[in-house]
C-alpha atoms as a PDB file:
ATOM      1  CA  MET A   1      33.671 153.870-129.095  1.00  0.00           C
ATOM      2  CA  LEU A   2      33.506 150.136-128.373  1.00  0.00           C
ATOM      3  CA  GLU A   3      34.329 147.176-130.572  1.00  0.00           C
ATOM      4  CA  ILE A   4      33.976 143.596-129.357  1.00  0.00           C
ATOM      5  CA  LYS A   5      35.322 141.240-131.996  1.00  0.00           C
ATOM      6  CA  ASN A   6      34.955 137.434-132.032  1.00  0.00           C
ATOM      7  CA  VAL A   7      35.064 137.140-128.228  1.00  0.00           C
ATOM      8  CA  TYR A   8      34.766 133.740-126.566  1.00  0.00           C
ATOM      9  CA  LYS A   9      34.601 132.943-122.851  1.00  0.00           C
ATOM     10  CA  THR A  10      34.193 129.553-121.193  1.00  0.00           C
ATOM     11  CA  PHE A  11      34.181 129.001-117.450  1.00  0.00           C
ATOM     12  CA  ASN A  12      35.419 125.738-115.864  1.00  0.00           C
ATOM     13  CA  ALA A  13      36.480 124.395-119.256  1.00  0.00           C
ATOM     14  CA  GLY A  14      36.862 120.617-119.442  1.00  0.00           C
ATOM     15  CA  THR A  15      34.897 119.979-116.240  1.00  0.00           C
ATOM     16  CA  ILE A  16      31.369 118.848-115.504  1.00  0.00           C
ATOM     17  CA  ASN A  17      30.574 122.493-114.678  1.00  0.00           C
ATOM     18  CA  GLU A  18      31.752 123.841-118.038  1.00  0.00           C
ATOM     19  CA  LYS A  19      29.783 126.912-119.117  1.00  0.00           C
ATOM     20  CA  LYS A  20      30.197 128.559-122.507  1.00  0.00           C
ATOM     21  CA  ALA A  21      29.315 132.121-121.492  1.00  0.00           C
ATOM     22  CA  LEU A  22      30.207 133.993-124.706  1.00  0.00           C
ATOM     23  CA  ARG A  23      30.299 132.445-128.178  1.00  0.00           C
ATOM     24  CA  ASN A  24      31.888 134.490-130.953  1.00  0.00           C
ATOM     25  CA  LEU A  25      30.416 137.710-129.581  1.00  0.00           C
ATOM     26  CA  ASN A  26      30.568 140.741-131.889  1.00  0.00           C
ATOM     27  CA  LEU A  27      29.311 144.225-130.997  1.00  0.00           C
ATOM     28  CA  THR A  28      30.177 147.755-132.124  1.00  0.00           C
ATOM     29  CA  LEU A  29      28.996 150.921-130.348  1.00  0.00           C
ATOM     30  CA  ASN A  30      29.316 154.329-131.951  1.00  0.00           C
ATOM     31  CA  ASP A  31      30.100 157.448-129.949  1.00  0.00           C
ATOM     32  CA  GLY A  32      26.919 158.515-128.123  1.00  0.00           C
ATOM     33  CA  ASP A  33      25.081 155.192-128.405  1.00  0.00           C
ATOM     34  CA  PHE A  34      22.904 154.335-125.394  1.00  0.00           C
ATOM     35  CA  VAL A  35      22.283 150.605-125.716  1.00  0.00           C
ATOM     36  CA  THR A  36      19.934 148.610-123.500  1.00  0.00           C
ATOM     37  CA  VAL A  37      20.660 144.889-123.083  1.00  0.00           C
ATOM     38  CA  ILE A  38      18.092 142.196-122.275  1.00  0.00           C
ATOM     39  CA  GLY A  39      18.167 138.407-122.158  1.00  0.00           C
ATOM     40  CA  GLY A  40      17.338 135.430-119.988  1.00  0.00           C
ATOM     41  CA  ASN A  41      19.348 133.994-117.119  1.00  0.00           C
ATOM     42  CA  GLY A  42      22.773 132.857-118.311  1.00  0.00           C
ATOM     43  CA  ALA A  43      22.498 134.715-121.621  1.00  0.00           C
ATOM     44  CA  GLY A  44      25.931 136.287-121.117  1.00  0.00           C
ATOM     45  CA  LYS A  45      24.880 139.870-120.337  1.00  0.00           C
ATOM     46  CA  SER A  46      26.922 140.407-117.166  1.00  0.00           C
ATOM     47  CA  THR A  47      29.797 138.321-118.540  1.00  0.00           C
ATOM     48  CA  MET A  48      29.964 140.692-121.501  1.00  0.00           C
ATOM     49  CA  LEU A  49      30.233 143.711-119.175  1.00  0.00           C
ATOM     50  CA  ASN A  50      32.861 141.936-117.075  1.00  0.00           C
ATOM     51  CA  MET A  51      34.869 141.166-120.214  1.00  0.00           C
ATOM     52  CA  ILE A  52      34.746 144.836-121.226  1.00  0.00           C
ATOM     53  CA  ALA A  53      35.797 145.895-117.703  1.00  0.00           C
ATOM     54  CA  GLY A  54      38.619 143.348-117.587  1.00  0.00           C
ATOM     55  CA  VAL A  55      37.281 141.379-114.621  1.00  0.00           C
ATOM     56  CA  TYR A  56      37.996 138.167-116.565  1.00  0.00           C
ATOM     57  CA  PRO A  57      40.404 137.626-119.463  1.00  0.00           C
ATOM     58  CA  VAL A  58      38.892 136.652-122.808  1.00  0.00           C
ATOM     59  CA  ASP A  59      39.648 133.192-124.182  1.00  0.00           C
ATOM     60  CA  ALA A  60      39.790 134.552-127.730  1.00  0.00           C
ATOM     61  CA  GLY A  61      38.922 137.727-129.598  1.00  0.00           C
ATOM     62  CA  SER A  62      39.582 141.400-128.916  1.00  0.00           C
ATOM     63  CA  ILE A  63      38.032 144.415-127.170  1.00  0.00           C
ATOM     64  CA  THR A  64      38.776 147.977-128.273  1.00  0.00           C
ATOM     65  CA  ILE A  65      37.625 151.106-126.417  1.00  0.00           C
ATOM     66  CA  ASN A  66      37.861 154.449-128.212  1.00  0.00           C
ATOM     67  CA  GLY A  67      40.586 153.165-130.524  1.00  0.00           C
ATOM     68  CA  THR A  68      42.662 151.513-127.773  1.00  0.00           C
ATOM     69  CA  ASP A  69      43.004 147.728-127.724  1.00  0.00           C
ATOM     70  CA  VAL A  70      42.345 146.853-124.063  1.00  0.00           C
ATOM     71  CA  THR A  71      42.133 143.070-124.520  1.00  0.00           C
ATOM     72  CA  GLY A  72      45.232 142.297-122.449  1.00  0.00           C
ATOM     73  CA  MET A  73      45.035 145.380-120.235  1.00  0.00           C
ATOM     74  CA  LYS A  74      44.677 144.827-116.473  1.00  0.00           C
ATOM     75  CA  GLU A  75      41.372 145.795-114.869  1.00  0.00           C
ATOM     76  CA  HIS A  76      42.700 148.714-112.790  1.00  0.00           C
ATOM     77  CA  ILE A  77      44.410 150.269-115.826  1.00  0.00           C
ATOM     78  CA  ARG A  78      41.402 149.739-118.077  1.00  0.00           C
ATOM     79  CA  ALA A  79      39.232 151.500-115.470  1.00  0.00           C
ATOM     80  CA  ARG A  80      40.486 154.899-116.688  1.00  0.00           C
ATOM     81  CA  TYR A  81      38.293 154.470-119.771  1.00  0.00           C
ATOM     82  CA  LEU A  82      35.201 153.266-117.944  1.00  0.00           C
ATOM     83  CA  GLY A  83      32.474 154.276-115.526  1.00  0.00           C
ATOM     84  CA  ARG A  84      30.497 151.454-113.918  1.00  0.00           C
ATOM     85  CA  VAL A  85      27.448 151.144-111.684  1.00  0.00           C
ATOM     86  CA  PHE A  86      26.606 147.748-110.213  1.00  0.00           C
ATOM     87  CA  GLN A  87      23.329 146.133-109.195  1.00  0.00           C
ATOM     88  CA  ASP A  88      24.282 146.257-105.505  1.00  0.00           C
ATOM     89  CA  PRO A  89      24.071 149.840-104.150  1.00  0.00           C
ATOM     90  CA  MET A  90      26.811 148.903-101.644  1.00  0.00           C
ATOM     91  CA  MET A  91      29.365 148.596-104.459  1.00  0.00           C
ATOM     92  CA  GLY A  92      31.034 151.557-106.121  1.00  0.00           C
ATOM     93  CA  THR A  93      31.369 153.710-102.988  1.00  0.00           C
ATOM     94  CA  ALA A  94      33.307 153.567 -99.709  1.00  0.00           C
ATOM     95  CA  ALA A  95      30.718 153.255 -96.929  1.00  0.00           C
ATOM     96  CA  ASP A  96      32.919 154.604 -94.110  1.00  0.00           C
ATOM     97  CA  MET A  97      33.969 157.717 -96.022  1.00  0.00           C
ATOM     98  CA  TRP A  98      32.021 160.964 -96.347  1.00  0.00           C
ATOM     99  CA  ILE A  99      30.095 161.884 -99.479  1.00  0.00           C
ATOM    100  CA  GLU A 100      32.650 164.571-100.359  1.00  0.00           C
ATOM    101  CA  GLU A 101      35.541 162.138 -99.821  1.00  0.00           C
ATOM    102  CA  ASN A 102      33.962 159.624-102.189  1.00  0.00           C
ATOM    103  CA  MET A 103      33.431 162.343-104.780  1.00  0.00           C
ATOM    104  CA  ALA A 104      37.024 163.532-104.392  1.00  0.00           C
ATOM    105  CA  LEU A 105      38.277 160.019-105.132  1.00  0.00           C
ATOM    106  CA  ALA A 106      36.068 159.833-108.233  1.00  0.00           C
ATOM    107  CA  GLY A 107      37.229 163.277-109.347  1.00  0.00           C
ATOM    108  CA  ARG A 108      40.885 162.253-109.119  1.00  0.00           C
ATOM    109  CA  ARG A 109      40.549 159.030-111.067  1.00  0.00           C
ATOM    110  CA  GLY A 110      43.521 158.613-113.370  1.00  0.00           C
ATOM    111  CA  GLN A 111      45.493 161.461-111.778  1.00  0.00           C
ATOM    112  CA  ARG A 112      48.772 161.245-109.894  1.00  0.00           C
ATOM    113  CA  ARG A 113      48.461 161.304-106.111  1.00  0.00           C
ATOM    114  CA  GLY A 114      50.405 163.693-103.881  1.00  0.00           C
ATOM    115  CA  LEU A 115      50.563 165.039-100.345  1.00  0.00           C
ATOM    116  CA  ARG A 116      48.119 167.922 -99.975  1.00  0.00           C
ATOM    117  CA  TRP A 117      44.736 168.699 -98.473  1.00  0.00           C
ATOM    118  CA  ALA A 118      42.271 166.188 -99.898  1.00  0.00           C
ATOM    119  CA  ILE A 119      39.461 168.657-100.664  1.00  0.00           C
ATOM    120  CA  ASN A 120      39.599 172.419-101.069  1.00  0.00           C
ATOM    121  CA  GLY A 121      36.809 174.973-100.905  1.00  0.00           C
ATOM    122  CA  LYS A 122      36.457 175.252-104.678  1.00  0.00           C
ATOM    123  CA  GLU A 123      35.987 171.502-105.042  1.00  0.00           C
ATOM    124  CA  ARG A 124      33.463 171.467-102.222  1.00  0.00           C
ATOM    125  CA  GLU A 125      31.331 174.022-104.052  1.00  0.00           C
ATOM    126  CA  GLU A 126      31.619 172.018-107.268  1.00  0.00           C
ATOM    127  CA  PHE A 127      30.459 168.888-105.439  1.00  0.00           C
ATOM    128  CA  LYS A 128      27.468 170.772-104.041  1.00  0.00           C
ATOM    129  CA  GLU A 129      26.433 171.928-107.508  1.00  0.00           C
ATOM    130  CA  LEU A 130      26.696 168.410-108.887  1.00  0.00           C
ATOM    131  CA  LEU A 131      24.689 166.963-105.997  1.00  0.00           C
ATOM    132  CA  LYS A 132      21.936 169.531-106.460  1.00  0.00           C
ATOM    133  CA  GLU A 133      21.217 167.919-109.822  1.00  0.00           C
ATOM    134  CA  LEU A 134      20.179 164.745-107.995  1.00  0.00           C
ATOM    135  CA  GLU A 135      17.431 166.655-106.125  1.00  0.00           C
ATOM    136  CA  LEU A 136      17.944 164.434-103.078  1.00  0.00           C
ATOM    137  CA  GLY A 137      19.216 167.048-100.628  1.00  0.00           C
ATOM    138  CA  LEU A 138      22.680 165.493-100.555  1.00  0.00           C
ATOM    139  CA  GLU A 139      24.349 168.835-101.303  1.00  0.00           C
ATOM    140  CA  ASN A 140      23.737 169.704 -97.621  1.00  0.00           C
ATOM    141  CA  ARG A 141      25.185 166.420 -96.349  1.00  0.00           C
ATOM    142  CA  LEU A 142      28.757 166.425 -97.690  1.00  0.00           C
ATOM    143  CA  ALA A 143      30.132 165.240 -94.345  1.00  0.00           C
ATOM    144  CA  THR A 144      27.686 162.317 -94.083  1.00  0.00           C
ATOM    145  CA  LYS A 145      29.112 158.803 -94.309  1.00  0.00           C
ATOM    146  CA  VAL A 146      27.888 157.136 -97.498  1.00  0.00           C
ATOM    147  CA  GLY A 147      26.950 154.007 -95.537  1.00  0.00           C
ATOM    148  CA  LEU A 148      24.156 155.999 -93.858  1.00  0.00           C
ATOM    149  CA  LEU A 149      22.415 156.775 -97.156  1.00  0.00           C
ATOM    150  CA  SER A 150      19.432 154.846 -98.495  1.00  0.00           C
ATOM    151  CA  GLY A 151      19.942 152.424-101.374  1.00  0.00           C
ATOM    152  CA  GLY A 152      18.477 154.887-103.864  1.00  0.00           C
ATOM    153  CA  GLN A 153      20.591 157.799-102.615  1.00  0.00           C
ATOM    154  CA  ARG A 154      23.712 155.678-102.720  1.00  0.00           C
ATOM    155  CA  GLN A 155      23.008 154.414-106.234  1.00  0.00           C
ATOM    156  CA  ALA A 156      22.342 157.963-107.467  1.00  0.00           C
ATOM    157  CA  LEU A 157      25.639 159.078-105.921  1.00  0.00           C
ATOM    158  CA  THR A 158      27.463 156.131-107.500  1.00  0.00           C
ATOM    159  CA  LEU A 159      26.021 157.066-110.887  1.00  0.00           C
ATOM    160  CA  LEU A 160      27.145 160.666-110.446  1.00  0.00           C
ATOM    161  CA  MET A 161      30.644 159.538-109.441  1.00  0.00           C
ATOM    162  CA  ALA A 162      30.856 157.160-112.411  1.00  0.00           C
ATOM    163  CA  THR A 163      30.200 160.023-114.834  1.00  0.00           C
ATOM    164  CA  MET A 164      32.230 162.816-113.191  1.00  0.00           C
ATOM    165  CA  LYS A 165      35.290 162.236-115.387  1.00  0.00           C
ATOM    166  CA  ARG A 166      33.199 161.657-118.534  1.00  0.00           C
ATOM    167  CA  PRO A 167      34.235 158.048-119.203  1.00  0.00           C
ATOM    168  CA  ASP A 168      34.616 156.749-122.743  1.00  0.00           C
ATOM    169  CA  LEU A 169      32.068 154.079-121.871  1.00  0.00           C
ATOM    170  CA  LEU A 170      29.492 153.811-119.059  1.00  0.00           C
ATOM    171  CA  LEU A 171      28.544 150.276-117.934  1.00  0.00           C
ATOM    172  CA  LEU A 172      25.263 149.846-116.047  1.00  0.00           C
ATOM    173  CA  ASP A 173      24.709 146.307-114.754  1.00  0.00           C
ATOM    174  CA  GLU A 174      21.036 146.150-113.685  1.00  0.00           C
ATOM    175  CA  HIS A 175      21.770 149.200-111.549  1.00  0.00           C
ATOM    176  CA  THR A 176      18.115 149.688-110.515  1.00  0.00           C
ATOM    177  CA  ALA A 177      17.206 146.038-109.879  1.00  0.00           C
ATOM    178  CA  ALA A 178      17.739 146.233-106.095  1.00  0.00           C
ATOM    179  CA  LEU A 179      15.637 149.400-105.687  1.00  0.00           C
ATOM    180  CA  ASP A 180      11.914 149.829-105.072  1.00  0.00           C
ATOM    181  CA  PRO A 181       9.922 150.810-108.201  1.00  0.00           C
ATOM    182  CA  LYS A 182       9.611 154.515-107.332  1.00  0.00           C
ATOM    183  CA  THR A 183      13.308 154.888-106.521  1.00  0.00           C
ATOM    184  CA  ALA A 184      14.293 152.818-109.558  1.00  0.00           C
ATOM    185  CA  ALA A 185      12.285 155.151-111.804  1.00  0.00           C
ATOM    186  CA  LYS A 186      14.041 158.175-110.288  1.00  0.00           C
ATOM    187  CA  VAL A 187      17.505 156.665-110.809  1.00  0.00           C
ATOM    188  CA  LEU A 188      16.629 155.729-114.401  1.00  0.00           C
ATOM    189  CA  GLU A 189      15.478 159.271-115.141  1.00  0.00           C
ATOM    190  CA  LEU A 190      18.751 160.567-113.696  1.00  0.00           C
ATOM    191  CA  THR A 191      20.684 158.024-115.767  1.00  0.00           C
ATOM    192  CA  ASP A 192      18.981 159.155-118.959  1.00  0.00           C
ATOM    193  CA  LYS A 193      19.580 162.820-118.104  1.00  0.00           C
ATOM    194  CA  LEU A 194      23.301 162.373-117.379  1.00  0.00           C
ATOM    195  CA  ILE A 195      23.887 160.313-120.523  1.00  0.00           C
ATOM    196  CA  GLU A 196      22.037 162.874-122.646  1.00  0.00           C
ATOM    197  CA  GLU A 197      23.690 165.957-121.136  1.00  0.00           C
ATOM    198  CA  GLU A 198      27.215 164.522-121.189  1.00  0.00           C
ATOM    199  CA  GLY A 199      26.832 162.788-124.550  1.00  0.00           C
ATOM    200  CA  LEU A 200      28.006 159.510-123.046  1.00  0.00           C
ATOM    201  CA  THR A 201      28.240 156.110-124.692  1.00  0.00           C
ATOM    202  CA  ALA A 202      26.496 153.572-122.458  1.00  0.00           C
ATOM    203  CA  LEU A 203      25.571 149.900-122.127  1.00  0.00           C
ATOM    204  CA  MET A 204      22.695 149.223-119.712  1.00  0.00           C
ATOM    205  CA  ILE A 205      21.586 145.733-118.723  1.00  0.00           C
ATOM    206  CA  THR A 206      18.003 145.666-117.497  1.00  0.00           C
ATOM    207  CA  HIS A 207      15.497 142.971-116.561  1.00  0.00           C
ATOM    208  CA  ASN A 208      12.595 145.316-117.351  1.00  0.00           C
ATOM    209  CA  MET A 209      11.465 145.079-120.970  1.00  0.00           C
ATOM    210  CA  ARG A 210       9.536 148.334-120.819  1.00  0.00           C
ATOM    211  CA  ASP A 211      12.631 150.170-119.615  1.00  0.00           C
ATOM    212  CA  ALA A 212      14.706 148.489-122.335  1.00  0.00           C
ATOM    213  CA  ILE A 213      12.288 149.827-124.937  1.00  0.00           C
ATOM    214  CA  HIS A 214      11.810 153.288-123.401  1.00  0.00           C
ATOM    215  CA  TYR A 215      15.459 154.187-122.769  1.00  0.00           C
ATOM    216  CA  GLY A 216      18.340 154.443-125.211  1.00  0.00           C
ATOM    217  CA  ASN A 217      18.576 154.608-128.979  1.00  0.00           C
ATOM    218  CA  ARG A 218      19.365 150.927-129.456  1.00  0.00           C
ATOM    219  CA  LEU A 219      18.374 147.571-127.939  1.00  0.00           C
ATOM    220  CA  ILE A 220      20.161 144.232-128.103  1.00  0.00           C
ATOM    221  CA  MET A 221      18.886 140.850-126.949  1.00  0.00           C
ATOM    222  CA  MET A 222      21.293 138.098-125.910  1.00  0.00           C
ATOM    223  CA  ASN A 223      20.864 134.343-125.711  1.00  0.00           C
ATOM    224  CA  GLU A 224      23.452 131.638-124.987  1.00  0.00           C
ATOM    225  CA  GLY A 225      26.374 134.031-125.244  1.00  0.00           C
ATOM    226  CA  GLN A 226      25.394 135.633-128.524  1.00  0.00           C
ATOM    227  CA  ILE A 227      23.444 138.674-129.712  1.00  0.00           C
ATOM    228  CA  ILE A 228      20.279 137.452-131.423  1.00  0.00           C
ATOM    229  CA  LEU A 229      18.556 140.814-131.917  1.00  0.00           C
ATOM    230  CA  ASP A 230      19.947 144.307-132.516  1.00  0.00           C
ATOM    231  CA  ILE A 231      17.371 147.011-133.143  1.00  0.00           C
ATOM    232  CA  SER A 232      17.578 150.812-133.179  1.00  0.00           C
ATOM    233  CA  GLY A 233      16.031 154.054-134.400  1.00  0.00           C
ATOM    234  CA  GLU A 234      12.365 154.243-135.392  1.00  0.00           C
ATOM    235  CA  GLU A 235      12.083 150.472-135.356  1.00  0.00           C
ATOM    236  CA  LYS A 236      13.009 150.408-131.663  1.00  0.00           C
ATOM    237  CA  LYS A 237      10.542 153.187-130.814  1.00  0.00           C
ATOM    238  CA  LYS A 238       7.685 151.121-132.226  1.00  0.00           C
ATOM    239  CA  LEU A 239       8.569 148.011-130.204  1.00  0.00           C
ATOM    240  CA  THR A 240       6.213 146.458-127.663  1.00  0.00           C
ATOM    241  CA  VAL A 241       6.918 143.864-124.972  1.00  0.00           C
ATOM    242  CA  GLU A 242       4.985 141.310-127.009  1.00  0.00           C
ATOM    243  CA  ASP A 243       7.226 142.081-129.998  1.00  0.00           C
ATOM    244  CA  LEU A 244      10.286 141.259-127.912  1.00  0.00           C
ATOM    245  CA  LEU A 245       8.823 138.031-126.541  1.00  0.00           C
ATOM    246  CA  ASN A 246       7.839 136.924-130.030  1.00  0.00           C
ATOM    247  CA  ALA A 247      11.263 137.858-131.392  1.00  0.00           C
ATOM    248  CA  PHE A 248      12.965 135.810-128.686  1.00  0.00           C
ATOM    249  CA  SER A 249      10.854 132.748-129.460  1.00  0.00           C
ATOM    250  CA  ARG A 250      11.425 133.119-133.199  1.00  0.00           C
ATOM    251  CA  LEU A 251      15.180 133.715-133.016  1.00  0.00           C
ATOM    252  CA  SER A 252      16.084 131.301-130.229  1.00  0.00           C
ATOM    253  CA  GLY A 253      13.515 128.589-130.914  1.00  0.00           C
ATOM    254  CA  ASP A 254      12.527 128.630-127.249  1.00  0.00           C
ATOM    255  CA  GLU A 255      10.154 130.379-124.859  1.00  0.00           C
ATOM    256  CA  PHE A 256      11.446 133.304-122.797  1.00  0.00           C
ATOM    257  CA  ALA A 257      11.868 131.870-119.301  1.00  0.00           C
ATOM    258  CA  ASN A 258      13.086 134.583-116.959  1.00  0.00           C
ATOM    259  CA  ASP A 259      10.605 135.200-114.160  1.00  0.00           C
ATOM    260  CA  ARG A 260      12.028 138.604-113.215  1.00  0.00           C
ATOM    261  CA  ILE A 261      11.733 139.907-116.751  1.00  0.00           C
ATOM    262  CA  LEU A 262       8.273 138.461-117.329  1.00  0.00           C
ATOM    263  CA  LEU A 263       6.996 139.905-114.048  1.00  0.00           C
ATOM    264  CA  ALA A 264       8.461 143.303-114.922  1.00  0.00           C
ATOM    265  CA  LYS A 265       6.862 143.513-118.345  1.00  0.00           C
END
């Protein structure tokens, strides 16, 4: 479903601020893989997701999604293959539009636009059924502006919108990091449920090692723009936080120094 092949990315090349973000990055995801991604600050995690999404062009290498080479494809065209949820709950939705209007936009992704009523009765009922799955009472608030929702409600809605059209690949960039622990746990449970029920292929960056171990069928660890650990199946299920810390020290030759991750362990 995803193949990243020999991808390099350097920011501010040739200047004092030069940063080699990705160094010969290679990663293959099979259909249905749910991969959690961990690593220290500057490891290249978010850069990798941005490369997949087309936010930045690659310096070298190729990216293929479901058999289509998207390496040179513009971001807005590539978006038809992707669903994405960001760390900031304010991104991914239009704050001044109603819940149902946001969902209508998500439901029409990739379709031709025309002049007709934006939402019909049948769609409204479909939206209500989808929102019921969130168990947040939003099915009774279709005409509420999204900007009035709490961070957790908005992130849950964004997640639902990102999966409505069953994307080839779902990108989750620390999508619970800005939420309180209770709300974050709820959104993670919803994430796991949607991925399982829809059979989605997903990449989820997280700063929480326990979550990285608990969720998904595969875990990768990044350091200095490369993948230094790739573990799945029964081996992943037996992992502990200490195992990951020891693996990082052994494979990178350094101590893990990310306060957010260490505090979350």
